[in-house]
Each structure stands twice: as structure tokens, then as C-alpha cells.
Amino acid sequence: MHSVSPADAADAYRRGALFVDVRLGTQHARDGLPGSRNLPLALIQADRLPEDLPTDQPVYLVCERGHISELAGLYLEEAGFRHVANVRGGLGALRPLL
């Protein structure tokens, strides 16, 4: 897994990249990125991953500050995801750039 800067993540978001919010569903519903998918860390840890989540294309992970999404990325890599990127600073750093 690698980390990406908020600026690079903003560019990827504008290009339509897949963003996954690993916060709770209520948090995502309240202030998640439009178009992002919600997959809470607890489901990732339990290996309850949606079948349509692509393992072979870039997946940008976000949470509020970037710490939980970093942990989620490690689990996803163990599950076979090859292009996982954690957004440094999370949504707090990304939102001002969008």
C-alpha cells in the first residue's frame, strides 16, 4: 500500500477514481465524498468485502484523518487488492482541495 498526497487524491477524484470511505455508514451518509463507496473498517476486518469491489484497479481509501484508512489498506492488501492508496490526512485534508 502506498500513501498519496491530498492534491494527488483530489486529481484522482476529479478523474473519477474509486474512493472508499472506511468510516461508519452514518458518518459517510452525513459527509462522505459524493460518489464514494462506504465500506466500514469492521467489515473489512471481518473479510466481508463486496464482490464488485475491484482488486485490480486503484482504490483510494479515506477516513477523517487518514489513520483508520491506513489500517484498512493493510487488510485489503492481505485480501488481494493490488492498488490500494491511503489519502494522507484523510477527508480533513482532501475536502478543501475539491
C-alpha atoms as a PDB file:
ATOM      1  CA  MET A   1       0.000   0.000   0.000  1.00  0.00           C
ATOM      2  CA  HIS A   2       1.167   3.491  -0.619  1.00  0.00           C
ATOM      3  CA  SER A   3       0.069   6.903   0.549  1.00  0.00           C
ATOM      4  CA  VAL A   4      -0.955   9.726  -1.738  1.00  0.00           C
ATOM      5  CA  SER A   5      -0.985  13.434  -1.063  1.00  0.00           C
ATOM      6  CA  PRO A   6      -4.322  15.198  -0.768  1.00  0.00           C
ATOM      7  CA  ALA A   7      -3.537  17.087  -4.005  1.00  0.00           C
ATOM      8  CA  ASP A   8      -2.905  13.857  -5.936  1.00  0.00           C
ATOM      9  CA  ALA A   9      -6.048  12.330  -4.424  1.00  0.00           C
ATOM     10  CA  ALA A  10      -8.085  15.378  -5.471  1.00  0.00           C
ATOM     11  CA  ASP A  11      -6.838  14.949  -9.040  1.00  0.00           C
ATOM     12  CA  ALA A  12      -7.761  11.260  -8.979  1.00  0.00           C
ATOM     13  CA  TYR A  13     -11.198  12.084  -7.565  1.00  0.00           C
ATOM     14  CA  ARG A  14     -11.849  14.584 -10.352  1.00  0.00           C
ATOM     15  CA  ARG A  15     -10.857  11.894 -12.891  1.00  0.00           C
ATOM     16  CA  GLY A  16     -13.462   9.526 -11.421  1.00  0.00           C
ATOM     17  CA  ALA A  17     -11.235   7.172  -9.405  1.00  0.00           C
ATOM     18  CA  LEU A  18     -12.819   4.788  -6.934  1.00  0.00           C
ATOM     19  CA  PHE A  19     -12.855   6.233  -3.417  1.00  0.00           C
ATOM     20  CA  VAL A  20     -13.833   4.070  -0.458  1.00  0.00           C
ATOM     21  CA  ASP A  21     -14.799   5.666   2.850  1.00  0.00           C
ATOM     22  CA  VAL A  22     -13.929   3.281   5.684  1.00  0.00           C
ATOM     23  CA  ARG A  23     -15.834   5.187   8.361  1.00  0.00           C
ATOM     24  CA  LEU A  24     -19.183   4.125   9.785  1.00  0.00           C
ATOM     25  CA  GLY A  25     -22.165   4.288   7.464  1.00  0.00           C
ATOM     26  CA  THR A  26     -23.728   7.123   9.461  1.00  0.00           C
ATOM     27  CA  GLN A  27     -20.559   9.195   9.072  1.00  0.00           C
ATOM     28  CA  HIS A  28     -20.385   8.501   5.360  1.00  0.00           C
ATOM     29  CA  ALA A  29     -24.058   9.406   4.927  1.00  0.00           C
ATOM     30  CA  ARG A  30     -23.511  12.653   6.811  1.00  0.00           C
ATOM     31  CA  ASP A  31     -20.454  13.968   4.980  1.00  0.00           C
ATOM     32  CA  GLY A  32     -18.926  11.393   2.657  1.00  0.00           C
ATOM     33  CA  LEU A  33     -17.489  12.325  -0.712  1.00  0.00           C
ATOM     34  CA  PRO A  34     -20.160  12.291  -3.415  1.00  0.00           C
ATOM     35  CA  GLY A  35     -19.760   9.136  -5.470  1.00  0.00           C
ATOM     36  CA  SER A  36     -17.592   7.365  -2.908  1.00  0.00           C
ATOM     37  CA  ARG A  37     -18.438   3.922  -1.608  1.00  0.00           C
ATOM     38  CA  ASN A  38     -18.792   3.109   2.046  1.00  0.00           C
ATOM     39  CA  LEU A  39     -17.044   0.054   3.437  1.00  0.00           C
ATOM     40  CA  PRO A  40     -16.514   0.359   7.195  1.00  0.00           C
ATOM     41  CA  LEU A  41     -13.289  -0.931   8.693  1.00  0.00           C
ATOM     42  CA  ALA A  42     -15.175  -3.540  10.751  1.00  0.00           C
ATOM     43  CA  LEU A  43     -16.464  -5.189   7.562  1.00  0.00           C
ATOM     44  CA  ILE A  44     -13.004  -5.123   6.013  1.00  0.00           C
ATOM     45  CA  GLN A  45     -11.505  -6.717   9.121  1.00  0.00           C
ATOM     46  CA  ALA A  46     -14.198  -9.404   9.044  1.00  0.00           C
ATOM     47  CA  ASP A  47     -13.376 -10.070   5.372  1.00  0.00           C
ATOM     48  CA  ARG A  48     -16.925  -9.129   4.376  1.00  0.00           C
ATOM     49  CA  LEU A  49     -15.975  -7.410   1.150  1.00  0.00           C
ATOM     50  CA  PRO A  50     -18.416  -6.684  -1.664  1.00  0.00           C
ATOM     51  CA  GLU A  51     -17.890  -8.942  -4.644  1.00  0.00           C
ATOM     52  CA  ASP A  52     -17.967  -5.995  -7.037  1.00  0.00           C
ATOM     53  CA  LEU A  53     -15.067  -4.173  -5.370  1.00  0.00           C
ATOM     54  CA  PRO A  54     -12.273  -4.418  -7.969  1.00  0.00           C
ATOM     55  CA  THR A  55      -8.991  -5.918  -6.823  1.00  0.00           C
ATOM     56  CA  ASP A  56      -7.069  -4.893  -9.936  1.00  0.00           C
ATOM     57  CA  GLN A  57      -7.683  -1.132 -10.164  1.00  0.00           C
ATOM     58  CA  PRO A  58      -6.721   1.756  -7.884  1.00  0.00           C
ATOM     59  CA  VAL A  59      -8.766   2.115  -4.725  1.00  0.00           C
ATOM     60  CA  TYR A  60      -8.324   5.312  -2.708  1.00  0.00           C
ATOM     61  CA  LEU A  61      -9.141   4.912   0.961  1.00  0.00           C
ATOM     62  CA  VAL A  62     -10.341   7.747   3.158  1.00  0.00           C
ATOM     63  CA  CYS A  63     -11.414   8.326   6.723  1.00  0.00           C
ATOM     64  CA  GLU A  64     -11.477  11.573   8.664  1.00  0.00           C
ATOM     65  CA  ARG A  65      -7.709  11.909   9.286  1.00  0.00           C
ATOM     66  CA  GLY A  66      -6.078   9.033   7.395  1.00  0.00           C
ATOM     67  CA  HIS A  67      -5.236   6.668  10.243  1.00  0.00           C
ATOM     68  CA  ILE A  68      -8.144   4.221  10.057  1.00  0.00           C
ATOM     69  CA  SER A  69      -7.934   4.124   6.269  1.00  0.00           C
ATOM     70  CA  GLU A  70      -4.263   3.202   6.523  1.00  0.00           C
ATOM     71  CA  LEU A  71      -5.169   0.201   8.669  1.00  0.00           C
ATOM     72  CA  ALA A  72      -7.979  -0.710   6.259  1.00  0.00           C
ATOM     73  CA  GLY A  73      -5.480  -0.660   3.404  1.00  0.00           C
ATOM     74  CA  LEU A  74      -3.310  -3.250   5.098  1.00  0.00           C
ATOM     75  CA  TYR A  75      -6.304  -5.577   5.414  1.00  0.00           C
ATOM     76  CA  LEU A  76      -7.287  -5.028   1.795  1.00  0.00           C
ATOM     77  CA  GLU A  77      -3.787  -5.839   0.618  1.00  0.00           C
ATOM     78  CA  GLU A  78      -3.931  -9.092   2.594  1.00  0.00           C
ATOM     79  CA  ALA A  79      -7.226  -9.806   0.809  1.00  0.00           C
ATOM     80  CA  GLY A  80      -5.543  -9.476  -2.594  1.00  0.00           C
ATOM     81  CA  PHE A  81      -6.078  -5.846  -3.551  1.00  0.00           C
ATOM     82  CA  ARG A  82      -3.044  -4.721  -5.530  1.00  0.00           C
ATOM     83  CA  HIS A  83      -3.525  -0.968  -5.942  1.00  0.00           C
ATOM     84  CA  VAL A  84      -4.536   0.431  -2.573  1.00  0.00           C
ATOM     85  CA  ALA A  85      -3.762   4.052  -1.746  1.00  0.00           C
ATOM     86  CA  ASN A  86      -4.304   5.791   1.562  1.00  0.00           C
ATOM     87  CA  VAL A  87      -5.076   9.513   1.339  1.00  0.00           C
ATOM     88  CA  ARG A  88      -2.698  11.241   3.760  1.00  0.00           C
ATOM     89  CA  GLY A  89      -4.582  13.470   6.149  1.00  0.00           C
ATOM     90  CA  GLY A  90      -7.910  11.884   5.188  1.00  0.00           C
ATOM     91  CA  LEU A  91     -11.042  13.806   4.346  1.00  0.00           C
ATOM     92  CA  GLY A  92      -9.912  16.695   6.531  1.00  0.00           C
ATOM     93  CA  ALA A  93      -7.021  17.356   4.154  1.00  0.00           C
ATOM     94  CA  LEU A  94      -8.837  16.390   0.953  1.00  0.00           C
ATOM     95  CA  ARG A  95     -12.091  18.350   1.258  1.00  0.00           C
ATOM     96  CA  PRO A  96     -10.521  21.839   0.946  1.00  0.00           C
ATOM     97  CA  LEU A  97      -8.992  20.819  -2.401  1.00  0.00           C
ATOM     98  CA  LEU A  98     -12.230  19.695  -4.023  1.00  0.00           C
END
